[in-house]
Protein backbone atom coordinates (compact mmCIF):
# COMPACT_ATOMS: atom_id res chain seq x y z
CA UNK A 1 96.46 43.87 83.76
CA UNK A 2 97.61 44.86 87.79
CA UNK A 3 100.14 46.81 89.74
CA UNK A 4 103.17 45.11 90.80
CA UNK A 5 103.02 45.13 94.56
CA UNK A 6 103.98 47.85 96.92
CA UNK A 7 103.70 49.09 100.74
CA UNK A 8 100.57 51.90 100.89
CA UNK A 9 101.75 54.59 103.39
CA UNK A 10 98.81 57.19 104.36
CA UNK A 11 100.59 59.91 106.40
CA UNK A 12 98.44 62.61 108.33
CA UNK A 13 101.37 65.47 108.18
CA UNK A 14 104.02 66.79 105.83
CA UNK A 15 106.80 65.87 107.75
CA UNK A 16 105.69 62.08 107.48
CA UNK A 17 105.19 62.44 103.77
CA UNK A 18 108.22 63.78 103.18
CA UNK A 19 110.05 61.51 105.88
CA UNK A 20 108.56 58.46 103.76
CA UNK A 21 109.75 59.66 100.25
CA UNK A 22 113.04 59.98 101.47
CA UNK A 23 113.48 56.48 101.93
CA UNK A 24 113.31 56.14 98.40
CA UNK A 25 111.64 54.53 95.30
CA UNK A 26 108.04 55.36 96.52
CA UNK A 27 105.04 57.57 94.30
CA UNK A 28 102.90 60.12 95.51
CA UNK A 29 99.01 59.57 95.25
CA UNK A 30 96.48 62.64 95.60
CA UNK A 31 93.86 62.04 92.59
CA UNK A 32 95.49 59.00 91.19
CA UNK A 33 93.77 59.27 87.81
CA UNK A 34 97.53 59.24 86.31
CA UNK A 35 99.24 57.13 88.84
CA UNK A 36 96.53 54.38 89.03
CA UNK A 37 96.67 53.39 85.54
CA UNK A 38 100.59 53.86 84.58
CA UNK A 39 100.63 51.44 87.74
CA UNK A 40 98.26 49.06 86.21
CA UNK A 41 100.42 48.71 83.15
CA UNK A 42 103.32 48.53 84.93
CA UNK A 43 104.81 51.41 83.52
CA UNK A 44 105.82 51.99 86.88
CA UNK A 45 106.67 49.78 89.58
CA UNK A 46 107.54 51.58 93.23
CA UNK A 47 108.38 50.03 96.37
CA UNK A 48 105.38 52.35 97.86
CA UNK A 49 102.35 54.73 97.70
CA UNK A 50 102.46 57.43 99.49
CA UNK A 51 98.70 58.61 99.89
CA UNK A 52 98.01 62.06 101.11
CA UNK A 53 94.95 62.67 100.67
CA UNK A 54 94.62 62.49 104.37
CA UNK A 55 97.46 65.23 105.07
CA UNK A 56 95.38 68.47 105.95
CA UNK A 57 95.76 71.80 104.42
CA UNK A 58 96.72 70.71 100.98
CA UNK A 59 92.53 71.52 99.54
CA UNK A 60 92.55 75.53 99.70
CA UNK A 61 92.12 77.67 96.89
CA UNK A 62 93.40 80.90 98.03
CA UNK A 63 92.87 83.94 95.56
CA UNK A 64 94.64 87.63 96.28
CA UNK A 65 95.25 90.54 94.18
CA UNK A 66 98.45 88.90 92.25
CA UNK A 67 96.56 85.38 91.63
CA UNK A 68 94.91 81.87 92.76
CA UNK A 69 97.36 79.56 94.65
CA UNK A 70 96.03 76.50 94.78
CA UNK A 71 97.30 72.93 97.40
CA UNK A 72 98.24 69.95 95.90
CA UNK A 73 95.22 67.88 96.68
CA UNK A 74 92.64 70.59 95.43
CA UNK A 75 90.27 68.50 92.82
CA UNK A 76 89.64 69.79 89.10
CA UNK A 77 86.13 70.37 89.43
CA UNK A 78 86.79 72.60 92.85
CA UNK A 79 88.97 75.02 90.90
CA UNK A 80 86.78 74.58 87.54
CA UNK A 81 83.26 75.89 90.09
CA UNK A 82 85.38 78.39 92.82
CA UNK A 83 83.56 81.69 92.11
CA UNK A 84 87.10 83.77 92.65
CA UNK A 85 89.15 82.18 90.85
CA UNK A 86 86.53 82.26 87.88
CA UNK A 87 85.91 86.15 88.25
CA UNK A 88 89.83 86.92 88.96
CA UNK A 89 91.22 84.39 85.82
CA UNK A 90 88.81 82.89 83.97
CA UNK A 91 91.04 81.01 81.97
CA UNK A 92 91.20 78.46 84.36
CA UNK A 93 87.15 77.43 84.72
CA UNK A 94 87.63 78.07 81.11
CA UNK A 95 90.42 75.26 80.11
CA UNK A 96 89.79 72.93 83.41
CA UNK A 97 85.89 72.66 81.47
CA UNK A 98 87.98 70.58 78.65
CA UNK A 99 90.08 68.15 80.79
CA UNK A 100 88.66 64.22 80.93
CA UNK A 101 84.98 64.12 82.02
CA UNK A 102 83.62 65.83 85.48
CA UNK A 103 84.02 62.01 86.75
CA UNK A 104 87.76 62.48 86.13
CA UNK A 105 87.54 65.59 87.14
CA UNK A 106 85.83 65.08 90.78
CA UNK A 107 89.07 63.30 91.77
CA UNK A 108 91.75 64.58 89.58
CA UNK A 109 93.84 67.23 91.36
CA UNK A 110 95.42 70.06 89.20
CA UNK A 111 98.81 70.02 90.58
CA UNK A 112 98.90 66.01 89.91
CA UNK A 113 98.44 67.16 86.15
CA UNK A 114 101.31 69.20 86.67
CA UNK A 115 103.81 67.24 88.12
CA UNK A 116 102.83 64.19 85.71
CA UNK A 117 104.05 66.87 82.53
CA UNK A 118 102.17 64.92 80.24
CA UNK A 119 102.14 67.08 77.00
CA UNK A 120 99.09 66.65 76.61
CA UNK A 121 97.71 67.98 79.64
CA UNK A 122 96.11 71.64 79.78
CA UNK A 123 97.08 72.94 82.93
CA UNK A 124 100.80 72.84 82.29
CA UNK A 125 100.15 75.04 79.37
CA UNK A 126 98.05 77.24 81.24
CA UNK A 127 100.72 77.39 84.18
CA UNK A 128 103.63 78.18 81.69
CA UNK A 129 101.26 80.57 79.80
CA UNK A 130 100.50 82.78 83.11
CA UNK A 131 103.93 82.46 84.06
CA UNK A 132 102.91 80.31 87.12
CA UNK A 133 105.39 78.79 89.64
CA UNK A 134 104.85 75.38 91.85
CA UNK A 135 106.13 75.21 95.10
CA UNK A 136 107.74 71.51 96.20
CA UNK A 137 109.16 70.36 99.51
CA UNK A 138 111.87 67.77 100.65
CA UNK A 139 113.68 66.25 103.78
CA UNK A 140 116.74 67.29 102.23
CA UNK A 141 116.43 70.86 100.45
CA UNK A 142 113.65 72.19 102.11
CA UNK A 143 111.07 74.75 100.20
CA UNK A 144 111.99 75.38 96.98
CA UNK A 145 109.88 77.44 93.88
CA UNK A 146 109.99 76.38 90.61
CA UNK A 147 109.28 78.64 87.59
CA UNK A 148 106.99 77.13 85.06
CA UNK A 149 109.71 77.48 82.36
CA UNK A 150 111.58 76.19 84.31
CA UNK A 151 109.29 73.30 85.21
CA UNK A 152 108.41 70.34 82.35
CA UNK A 153 111.69 69.32 81.03
CA UNK A 154 110.03 66.23 78.79
CA UNK A 155 107.00 63.79 78.44
CA UNK A 156 106.41 62.70 81.92
CA UNK A 157 109.29 64.24 83.49
CA UNK A 158 109.54 67.42 85.52
CA UNK A 159 112.30 68.66 87.66
CA UNK A 160 110.56 67.74 90.85
CA UNK A 161 113.27 65.43 93.01
CA UNK A 162 111.76 61.60 93.41
CA UNK A 163 112.28 63.07 97.01
CA UNK A 164 110.34 66.34 96.77
CA UNK A 165 106.09 67.04 97.50
CA UNK A 166 104.27 69.74 95.38
CA UNK A 167 102.36 70.91 97.76
CA UNK A 168 101.23 74.02 95.89
CA UNK A 169 100.55 76.14 91.87
CA UNK A 170 100.33 79.51 91.39
CA UNK A 171 98.74 80.80 88.61
CA UNK A 172 99.52 84.70 88.42
CA UNK A 173 96.26 87.02 87.11
CA UNK A 174 96.84 88.13 83.36
CA UNK A 175 97.88 91.76 83.33
CA UNK A 176 94.87 94.44 83.60
CA UNK A 177 92.73 94.68 80.28
CA UNK A 178 93.55 91.36 79.37
CA UNK A 179 91.31 88.47 77.67
CA UNK A 180 92.07 84.92 77.67
CA UNK A 181 90.23 82.08 76.04
CA UNK A 182 90.71 78.14 75.41
CA UNK A 183 90.53 76.47 72.29
CA UNK A 184 91.24 72.44 71.64
CA UNK A 185 90.12 69.80 69.13
CA UNK A 186 89.86 65.88 70.27
CA UNK A 187 88.16 62.93 68.42
CA UNK A 188 86.13 62.45 71.55
CA UNK A 189 84.35 64.64 74.00
CA UNK A 190 87.12 64.26 76.87
CA UNK A 191 89.91 62.70 75.24
CA UNK A 192 93.29 64.17 74.80
CA UNK A 193 93.35 66.86 72.52
CA UNK A 194 94.93 66.26 69.45
CA UNK A 195 96.02 70.22 69.67
CA UNK A 196 95.10 72.47 71.86
CA UNK A 197 96.00 76.25 72.41
CA UNK A 198 95.24 78.81 74.95
CA UNK A 199 95.75 82.65 73.98
CA UNK A 200 96.31 85.84 76.99
CA UNK A 201 95.86 89.07 74.66
CA UNK A 202 96.07 92.54 76.48
CA UNK A 203 95.13 95.85 75.10
CA UNK A 204 96.91 98.83 74.74
CA UNK A 205 95.04 102.47 74.70
CA UNK A 206 91.53 102.82 72.44
CA UNK A 207 91.20 98.61 72.63
CA UNK A 208 93.97 98.27 70.37
CA UNK A 209 96.13 95.23 71.30
CA UNK A 210 99.32 96.00 73.21
CA UNK A 211 100.71 92.00 73.93
CA UNK A 212 99.51 88.72 73.02
CA UNK A 213 100.55 84.93 74.50
CA UNK A 214 99.87 81.19 73.06
CA UNK A 215 100.00 77.96 74.54
CA UNK A 216 99.91 75.06 72.56
CA UNK A 217 99.38 71.67 73.83
CA UNK A 218 99.76 68.20 72.11
CA UNK A 219 102.31 69.39 69.87
CA UNK A 220 106.54 69.30 71.22
CA UNK A 221 107.11 66.90 74.22
CA UNK A 222 106.68 70.00 75.97
CA UNK A 223 104.15 73.04 76.44
CA UNK A 224 105.02 75.19 73.81
CA UNK A 225 104.43 79.25 75.00
CA UNK A 226 104.77 81.85 71.59
CA UNK A 227 104.60 85.69 72.51
CA UNK A 228 103.51 86.88 68.91
CA UNK A 229 102.70 90.47 70.18
CA UNK A 230 104.93 91.09 66.95
CA UNK A 231 102.12 89.91 64.80
CA UNK A 232 99.12 92.25 66.37
CA UNK A 233 100.56 94.57 68.43
CA UNK A 234 98.82 97.66 66.84
CA UNK A 235 95.55 96.14 65.84
CA UNK A 236 92.39 97.09 66.78
CA UNK A 237 91.56 94.28 69.00
CA UNK A 238 87.78 93.62 67.00
CA UNK A 239 89.24 93.60 63.76
CA UNK A 240 92.02 91.24 64.13
CA UNK A 241 94.20 90.23 61.34
CA UNK A 242 95.53 86.93 62.50
CA UNK A 243 97.01 85.74 59.29
CA UNK A 244 100.32 86.64 60.23
CA UNK A 245 100.62 84.81 63.78
CA UNK A 246 100.55 81.04 61.26
CA UNK A 247 104.58 81.80 60.76
CA UNK A 248 105.00 82.41 64.54
CA UNK A 249 103.45 79.14 65.23
CA UNK A 250 104.71 76.91 62.54
CA UNK A 251 108.52 78.32 63.69
CA UNK A 252 107.70 77.01 67.39
CA UNK A 253 105.85 73.99 67.32
CA UNK A 254 107.59 69.91 66.50
CA UNK A 255 104.35 68.18 66.49
CA UNK A 256 104.76 64.03 65.90
CA UNK A 257 102.66 61.82 64.06
CA UNK A 258 100.40 58.92 65.62
CA UNK A 259 98.00 56.76 65.88
CA UNK A 260 95.78 59.83 65.98
CA UNK A 261 96.95 62.62 63.52
CA UNK A 262 99.90 62.96 61.53
CA UNK A 263 102.21 65.95 61.78
CA UNK A 264 100.83 68.05 59.34
CA UNK A 265 97.47 67.98 60.46
CA UNK A 266 98.52 68.85 64.21
CA UNK A 267 100.49 71.50 62.84
CA UNK A 268 97.28 72.46 60.89
CA UNK A 269 95.28 72.76 63.90
CA UNK A 270 97.28 74.17 65.91
CA UNK A 271 97.53 77.28 63.44
CA UNK A 272 93.78 77.19 63.33
CA UNK A 273 92.82 77.21 66.07
CA UNK A 274 95.61 79.78 67.13
CA UNK A 275 93.49 82.00 65.18
CA UNK A 276 90.28 81.41 66.64
CA UNK A 277 91.85 81.52 70.32
CA UNK A 278 93.65 84.97 69.74
CA UNK A 279 89.98 86.42 68.75
CA UNK A 280 88.23 85.08 71.31
CA UNK A 281 90.82 86.18 73.71
CA UNK A 282 90.41 89.83 72.40
CA UNK A 283 86.76 89.86 72.30
CA UNK A 284 87.24 89.00 76.33
CA UNK A 285 89.28 91.44 76.74
CA UNK A 286 87.44 94.52 74.80
CA UNK A 287 84.94 92.91 77.07
CA UNK A 288 86.07 92.59 80.57
CA UNK A 289 87.47 96.46 79.89
CA UNK A 290 84.34 97.77 79.10
CA UNK A 291 82.72 96.05 82.37
């Protein structure tokens, strides 16, 4: 299929983009890796498409002592390869390596993926796991910040209003003495994950676990975060017993069957991947703490 007819605009400033969005019935084009297929299948038929690729200043990657901030035009690949971001927060690269294929990452934008709010997408879960934020701006309201826990409200549905432009995302660093990992299973390399999980483990005294958190994709209509500190606190990071984590995972997720997997299989994957991710994150925490 081909998209329905639409007006095409190419603003060069944020203010110009906001005026076009304020006119109504418009979609923002950044990387286009999600939007173009949706238009081609006529799942969306906006009156206009606002291409922000010529707006200066939206492709920055800023790393400071608190976190990593990326602009709306930061490509997945740029963030994946940024050495400062990797050194400060390795989870970003580890997760981005699982996003689709390099060709798609070369063009697709991380902020665009966040706004698209696909329950199988990796980066909304990472943002939630880290307790990040999205910054949006509009003519009517101005600038506002949305916490990751309040951002995705349903499948392909975020709290971004139609007249708002998401201009940046902030990924805070994990606490000191933390390690991270990402694990997922897909039917083919580059496909959306049948199930995926990210983990952050923070150490206390003597390389024992002080806290542990998980974030899941493809097992509910939104990313699911689970605090499993109660199951692991006080354990030696080098020899985790993750058996008790399964109960926490099962209580938090709500997978649905589809053509790729049954709900039971997705739930089983989530529990297995949770254990693997936690062990890998704990080992990473020990290694990073010793460096």
